[in-house]
Protein backbone atom coordinates (compact mmCIF):
# COMPACT_ATOMS: atom_id res chain seq x y z
CA MET A 1 116.64 173.94 142.20
CA HIS A 2 119.08 171.70 140.40
CA TYR A 3 120.41 172.12 136.91
CA ASN A 4 122.71 170.21 134.64
CA ALA A 5 124.20 171.38 131.33
CA GLN A 6 123.80 167.84 129.94
CA PHE A 7 120.00 168.28 129.96
CA ALA A 8 120.35 171.01 127.33
CA GLN A 9 121.98 168.50 125.01
CA ALA A 10 119.62 165.57 125.72
CA ALA A 11 117.79 165.82 122.37
CA ALA A 12 119.27 165.28 118.94
CA LYS A 13 119.49 168.39 116.77
CA SER A 14 116.97 166.90 114.36
CA GLU A 15 114.37 166.18 117.09
CA LEU A 16 111.40 168.56 117.13
CA MET A 17 111.00 170.22 120.55
CA VAL A 18 108.23 172.30 122.09
CA THR A 19 109.72 175.14 124.14
CA ALA A 20 108.21 177.76 126.41
CA GLY A 21 109.65 180.63 128.42
CA PHE A 22 108.18 181.86 131.69
CA THR A 23 108.73 184.50 134.33
CA VAL A 24 108.32 182.95 137.77
CA GLN A 25 107.50 185.57 140.38
CA VAL A 26 107.49 184.95 144.13
CA GLY A 27 106.83 188.09 146.13
CA ASP A 28 109.12 190.82 144.81
CA GLN A 29 111.57 188.42 143.16
CA SER A 30 111.24 187.11 139.62
CA VAL A 31 113.39 184.78 137.55
CA GLN A 32 113.28 183.57 133.97
CA ALA A 33 112.58 179.88 133.40
CA SER A 34 112.31 177.78 130.28
CA LEU A 35 110.94 174.36 129.51
CA ALA A 36 111.69 172.11 126.54
CA LEU A 37 109.81 168.89 125.85
CA PRO A 38 110.00 166.50 122.91
CA ALA A 39 107.15 167.28 120.53
CA GLU A 40 106.63 163.55 120.08
CA ALA A 41 105.49 163.34 123.72
CA VAL A 42 103.48 166.57 123.83
CA LEU A 43 101.59 166.80 120.52
CA PRO A 44 99.54 163.60 120.88
CA GLN A 45 98.20 164.98 124.18
CA LEU A 46 97.04 168.19 122.50
CA CYS A 47 95.02 166.77 119.61
CA ASP A 48 94.24 163.75 117.50
CA GLU A 49 96.56 163.56 114.46
CA SER A 50 93.50 163.56 112.21
CA GLU A 51 92.54 166.96 113.69
CA VAL A 52 95.75 168.79 112.78
CA GLU A 53 94.92 172.38 111.80
CA PRO A 54 96.65 174.44 109.11
CA GLU A 55 99.49 176.58 110.49
CA GLU A 56 97.69 179.86 109.66
CA GLN A 57 94.65 178.77 111.66
CA VAL A 58 96.82 177.79 114.64
CA ARG A 59 98.64 181.15 114.55
CA GLY A 60 95.30 182.97 114.50
CA ARG A 61 94.00 181.06 117.51
CA MET A 62 97.26 181.58 119.41
CA GLY A 63 97.17 185.30 118.63
CA GLY A 64 93.60 185.42 119.89
CA HIS A 65 94.80 184.15 123.28
CA LEU A 66 97.99 186.20 123.45
CA VAL A 67 96.17 189.53 123.18
CA HIS A 68 94.74 188.92 126.67
CA VAL A 69 98.10 188.34 128.41
CA PRO A 70 98.81 191.17 130.91
CA MET A 71 102.02 193.14 130.34
CA ASP A 72 103.90 195.91 132.15
CA LEU A 73 104.03 199.18 130.19
CA ALA A 74 106.68 201.80 130.98
CA LEU A 75 108.00 205.13 129.73
CA ALA A 76 111.74 205.63 130.08
CA LEU A 77 114.42 208.21 129.45
CA THR A 78 117.65 207.38 127.65
CA GLU A 79 120.02 205.95 130.24
CA THR A 80 122.57 208.37 131.68
CA PRO A 81 125.90 206.96 132.86
CA VAL A 82 126.86 208.00 136.41
CA THR A 83 129.46 206.88 138.91
CA SER A 84 128.70 205.05 142.13
CA GLU A 85 130.13 208.09 143.94
CA GLN A 86 127.46 210.31 142.36
CA ILE A 87 124.75 207.91 143.50
CA LEU A 88 126.13 207.64 147.04
CA ASN A 89 126.35 211.44 147.37
CA LEU A 90 122.78 212.18 146.22
CA VAL A 91 120.77 214.37 148.57
CA GLU A 92 117.26 215.74 148.33
CA GLY A 93 117.14 218.72 145.99
CA ASP A 94 120.08 217.62 143.80
CA VAL A 95 119.54 218.18 140.08
CA LEU A 96 120.92 215.51 137.76
CA ARG A 97 121.73 216.41 134.19
CA LEU A 98 120.36 213.63 131.95
CA THR A 99 121.44 212.74 128.42
CA HIS A 100 117.85 212.53 127.16
CA ALA A 101 117.09 215.71 125.17
CA ALA A 102 114.04 217.59 126.50
CA HIS A 103 112.42 217.75 123.04
CA ARG A 104 112.74 214.01 122.32
CA PRO A 105 109.94 211.53 123.10
CA LEU A 106 110.38 208.91 125.81
CA HIS A 107 110.95 205.21 125.15
CA LEU A 108 107.72 203.21 125.40
CA THR A 109 108.36 199.62 126.51
CA ALA A 110 106.14 196.60 127.15
CA ASP A 111 107.65 193.96 129.43
CA GLY A 112 111.09 195.47 128.81
CA GLN A 113 110.83 195.38 125.00
CA ARG A 114 110.77 198.68 123.15
CA VAL A 115 107.47 199.11 121.31
CA GLY A 116 107.62 202.78 120.36
CA THR A 117 108.00 206.32 121.67
CA ALA A 118 105.65 208.56 123.60
CA ALA A 119 105.51 211.97 125.20
CA ALA A 120 104.40 212.52 128.77
CA GLY A 121 100.88 213.87 128.95
CA LYS A 122 97.98 214.22 131.32
CA GLN A 123 94.46 212.79 131.27
CA SER A 124 91.81 213.13 133.97
CA GLY A 125 94.36 214.46 136.44
CA ARG A 126 96.78 211.57 135.95
CA ILE A 127 100.02 211.32 134.03
CA ALA A 128 99.53 209.64 130.65
CA ALA A 129 101.54 208.57 127.61
CA VAL A 130 100.82 210.23 124.26
CA VAL A 131 102.07 207.74 121.66
CA ALA A 132 104.40 209.37 119.11
CA SER A 133 105.50 206.28 117.16
CA ARG A 134 105.14 202.51 117.15
CA GLU A 135 107.87 200.01 116.32
CA GLU A 136 107.00 196.90 114.35
CA SER A 137 108.48 193.65 115.62
C-alpha cells in the first residue's frame, strides 16, 4: 500500500468532501482505513438533485441502517499498571492485585467505545452483563 501526505491536502478547505472510516480485517489482523471523495463527484451518483431529501429524513434512514451493523461488546476492568518483569514472571496460580474496586461495576464497551457500566452476572448457565448505567454519546 502506498501513501502520500500530499493527498490529504488535495482538496481546498472550502470543498465539501464525503468521508468514511473502515476497519479492514484480514485473518487476525485489522487496520483502520479512511476514504475521502469530493462530494461533487459522489452526490450525483447517489440521487437526482430534484430528489434531495430533508436532512432529518436522511438521518432517520441512515440510523435505520446503522442499527443493524454488528459490533463487538466487552466488559473490562480498570487498567492496572504492571511492569514487563511482572508479566514475564507470571506463573499459573499467581494472584494479581488489580486497581478495580470489587464493588464497582465493569466498563461496558462497544467496538472499543465506552457505552456504560455493567456487573458480571449469569443467565442460563453462561456469564452475562447486568447493565448498571448507560452513557449518552
